[in-house]
Protein backbone atom coordinates (compact mmCIF):
# COMPACT_ATOMS: atom_id res chain seq x y z
CA UNK A 1 -5.25 28.89 -27.82
CA UNK A 2 -5.09 26.17 -25.15
CA UNK A 3 -8.35 24.34 -24.65
CA UNK A 4 -8.68 23.27 -21.04
CA UNK A 5 -11.41 20.80 -20.25
CA UNK A 6 -13.04 21.84 -16.93
CA UNK A 7 -14.06 18.30 -16.14
CA UNK A 8 -10.54 17.02 -16.43
CA UNK A 9 -9.28 19.97 -14.37
CA UNK A 10 -11.89 19.19 -11.74
CA UNK A 11 -10.90 15.56 -11.59
CA UNK A 12 -7.25 16.46 -11.34
CA UNK A 13 -8.06 18.81 -8.31
CA UNK A 14 -10.09 16.07 -6.65
CA UNK A 15 -7.51 13.43 -7.27
CA UNK A 16 -4.61 15.45 -5.88
CA UNK A 17 -6.52 16.74 -2.76
CA UNK A 18 -8.01 13.41 -1.88
CA UNK A 19 -4.80 11.52 -2.66
CA UNK A 20 -2.70 13.85 -0.69
CA UNK A 21 -5.07 13.54 2.44
CA UNK A 22 -4.92 9.77 2.03
CA UNK A 23 -1.10 9.67 1.38
CA UNK A 24 -0.61 11.77 4.67
CA UNK A 25 -2.82 9.50 6.85
CA UNK A 26 -1.05 6.37 5.32
CA UNK A 27 2.45 7.91 5.99
CA UNK A 28 1.55 8.42 9.58
CA UNK A 29 0.72 4.63 9.80
CA UNK A 30 3.62 3.46 7.94
CA UNK A 31 6.62 5.81 8.72
CA UNK A 32 5.32 7.80 11.62
CA UNK A 33 5.36 11.02 9.39
CA UNK A 34 3.17 14.06 10.35
CA UNK A 35 2.92 12.99 14.06
CA UNK A 36 1.91 9.44 13.31
CA UNK A 37 2.71 6.34 15.41
CA UNK A 38 4.49 4.47 12.61
CA UNK A 39 3.97 0.73 12.24
CA UNK A 40 4.34 -0.06 16.02
CA UNK A 41 2.05 2.65 17.18
CA UNK A 42 -0.48 1.91 14.50
CA UNK A 43 -0.37 -1.84 15.24
CA UNK A 44 -1.00 -1.15 19.00
CA UNK A 45 -3.92 1.15 17.88
CA UNK A 46 -5.21 -1.54 15.43
CA UNK A 47 -5.18 -4.24 18.30
CA UNK A 48 -7.04 -1.90 20.70
CA UNK A 49 -9.68 -1.46 17.86
CA UNK A 50 -9.97 -5.09 17.39
CA UNK A 51 -8.23 -5.68 14.18
CA UNK A 52 -6.23 -8.84 14.06
CA UNK A 53 -3.42 -9.54 13.34
CA UNK A 54 -2.57 -6.06 14.37
CA UNK A 55 0.70 -5.54 12.63
CA UNK A 56 -0.65 -6.86 9.16
CA UNK A 57 -3.68 -4.67 9.71
CA UNK A 58 -1.48 -1.66 10.20
CA UNK A 59 0.58 -2.37 7.16
CA UNK A 60 -2.57 -3.10 5.08
CA UNK A 61 -4.17 0.12 6.22
CA UNK A 62 -0.92 2.23 5.69
CA UNK A 63 -0.43 0.82 2.18
CA UNK A 64 -4.08 1.10 1.21
CA UNK A 65 -4.05 4.89 2.37
CA UNK A 66 -0.55 6.01 1.34
CA UNK A 67 -0.42 3.88 -1.85
CA UNK A 68 -3.85 4.53 -2.95
CA UNK A 69 -3.46 8.16 -2.21
CA UNK A 70 -0.29 8.47 -4.23
CA UNK A 71 -1.70 6.57 -7.25
CA UNK A 72 -4.90 8.66 -7.05
CA UNK A 73 -2.91 11.90 -7.01
CA UNK A 74 -0.88 10.74 -9.94
CA UNK A 75 -3.98 9.24 -11.83
CA UNK A 76 -2.19 6.00 -12.07
CA UNK A 77 -4.00 2.64 -11.87
CA UNK A 78 -6.84 4.82 -10.81
CA UNK A 79 -9.41 2.06 -10.41
CA UNK A 80 -7.09 0.01 -8.25
CA UNK A 81 -6.08 3.18 -6.25
CA UNK A 82 -9.72 4.02 -5.59
CA UNK A 83 -10.83 0.60 -4.74
CA UNK A 84 -7.91 0.16 -2.23
CA UNK A 85 -8.50 3.43 -0.55
CA UNK A 86 -12.18 2.77 -0.41
CA UNK A 87 -11.65 -0.52 1.25
CA UNK A 88 -9.40 0.74 3.93
CA UNK A 89 -12.03 3.44 4.52
CA UNK A 90 -14.67 0.87 5.09
CA UNK A 91 -12.54 -0.53 7.87
CA UNK A 92 -12.21 2.94 9.36
CA UNK A 93 -15.96 3.55 9.12
CA UNK A 94 -16.61 0.21 11.06
CA UNK A 95 -14.76 1.83 13.86
CA UNK A 96 -16.39 5.12 14.00
CA UNK A 97 -20.01 3.91 13.44
CA UNK A 98 -20.83 3.63 17.16
CA UNK A 99 -20.03 7.31 17.66
CA UNK A 100 -22.70 8.34 15.04
CA UNK A 101 -22.14 10.25 11.73
CA UNK A 102 -20.55 13.68 12.58
CA UNK A 103 -16.70 13.66 12.83
CA UNK A 104 -16.94 16.22 15.65
CA UNK A 105 -18.26 13.52 17.88
CA UNK A 106 -15.74 10.84 16.63
CA UNK A 107 -18.21 9.67 14.02
CA UNK A 108 -17.67 8.08 10.62
CA UNK A 109 -18.34 11.16 8.52
CA UNK A 110 -14.62 11.84 7.50
CA UNK A 111 -13.57 8.22 6.52
CA UNK A 112 -16.97 7.66 4.71
CA UNK A 113 -16.32 10.83 2.60
CA UNK A 114 -12.81 9.81 1.78
CA UNK A 115 -13.97 6.32 0.88
CA UNK A 116 -16.81 7.44 -1.44
CA UNK A 117 -14.57 9.97 -2.95
CA UNK A 118 -11.90 7.44 -3.72
CA UNK A 119 -14.55 5.04 -4.93
CA UNK A 120 -16.05 7.63 -7.30
CA UNK A 121 -12.59 8.61 -8.68
CA UNK A 122 -11.86 4.90 -9.23
CA UNK A 123 -15.07 4.41 -11.07
CA UNK A 124 -15.26 7.71 -13.04
CA UNK A 125 -11.49 7.59 -14.05
CA UNK A 126 -8.70 10.07 -13.69
CA UNK A 127 -9.34 12.47 -16.55
CA UNK A 128 -6.97 13.68 -19.20
CA UNK A 129 -4.43 15.19 -16.78
CA UNK A 130 -3.18 11.90 -15.44
CA UNK A 131 -0.51 9.12 -15.96
CA UNK A 132 -3.29 6.76 -16.95
CA UNK A 133 -4.24 8.99 -19.83
CA UNK A 134 -0.48 9.53 -20.77
CA UNK A 135 -0.08 5.61 -20.84
CA UNK A 136 -3.31 5.03 -23.07
CA UNK A 137 -5.17 3.80 -19.88
CA UNK A 138 -3.36 0.49 -19.78
CA UNK A 139 -4.07 0.17 -16.12
CA UNK A 140 -7.48 1.68 -16.40
CA UNK A 141 -9.60 -0.85 -18.21
CA UNK A 142 -13.16 -2.06 -17.43
CA UNK A 143 -11.93 -5.46 -16.31
CA UNK A 144 -9.51 -3.64 -14.02
CA UNK A 145 -12.30 -1.63 -12.57
CA UNK A 146 -14.47 -4.72 -11.84
CA UNK A 147 -11.54 -6.79 -10.36
CA UNK A 148 -10.23 -4.01 -8.18
CA UNK A 149 -13.64 -3.17 -6.65
CA UNK A 150 -14.57 -6.77 -6.18
CA UNK A 151 -11.27 -7.59 -4.59
CA UNK A 152 -11.52 -4.62 -2.29
CA UNK A 153 -15.11 -5.40 -1.38
CA UNK A 154 -14.24 -8.96 -0.43
CA UNK A 155 -11.25 -7.97 1.53
CA UNK A 156 -12.97 -5.21 3.37
CA UNK A 157 -16.08 -7.59 4.33
CA UNK A 158 -13.45 -10.16 5.55
CA UNK A 159 -11.60 -7.67 7.62
CA UNK A 160 -14.65 -5.91 9.07
CA UNK A 161 -16.39 -9.20 9.64
CA UNK A 162 -13.43 -10.62 11.47
CA UNK A 163 -13.24 -7.58 13.64
CA UNK A 164 -16.98 -7.70 14.32
CA UNK A 165 -16.77 -11.45 15.29
CA UNK A 166 -13.89 -10.61 17.79
CA UNK A 167 -15.98 -7.63 19.19
CA UNK A 168 -18.85 -10.26 19.88
CA UNK A 169 -16.30 -12.56 21.54
CA UNK A 170 -16.65 -15.28 18.94
CA UNK A 171 -13.65 -17.40 18.31
CA UNK A 172 -11.81 -16.65 15.09
CA UNK A 173 -8.63 -17.13 13.24
CA UNK A 174 -6.11 -14.90 14.82
CA UNK A 175 -3.17 -16.23 12.81
CA UNK A 176 -3.55 -14.34 9.63
CA UNK A 177 -5.67 -13.37 6.73
C-alpha cells in the first residue's frame, strides 16, 4: 500500500499551479510567448510605469517570474524561487496600488496573491514531491531561506523606492542598479 502524504500532495499542487502562472507571465516578458511583448515590449511598458533602467527592469522581472516559477514548480531551490517571485510581485503591487485592491479595477489583488503564495512556499518548503527533497535539501537550508528573503527584500525596496522617487520627480540614478 502506498502512503500518500496529503500535505506534500497539497504543496505539490500549489507549487505547480503557482509556478506555472509565474512562468507563463515571465515568458511573456522574456520571449513574447503567450501573447506577451517580449523584452522590447516589456521594456517599453517598464519605462511607462516608471521603472529605470527599463530594459534591465524587464529582464529582471521576466527572470524573477519565469525562473522563480519554474523552480517553484520543480521544487528546486524553493526558498530562492519563492523569494525571487515575491520580490518581483512587490514591484508589480507598487504599480497597481493606486487602482485599489480588486483586480477587476486594475488593483493589486492578483500580484499580491502570487507574491504571498510564492513567499509562503519559499518559507514552508517544497514537500516530499520535489527536487529539493530528492537532493536532500542542499538548496533548501535555513541560511538559504534567510539570505534569499533578505536579498529579495532589499532589491524590491530599492527598485520600488527608485520608482517612487522618479514618480515624485526627484533626481535619481538612471544609469543602473
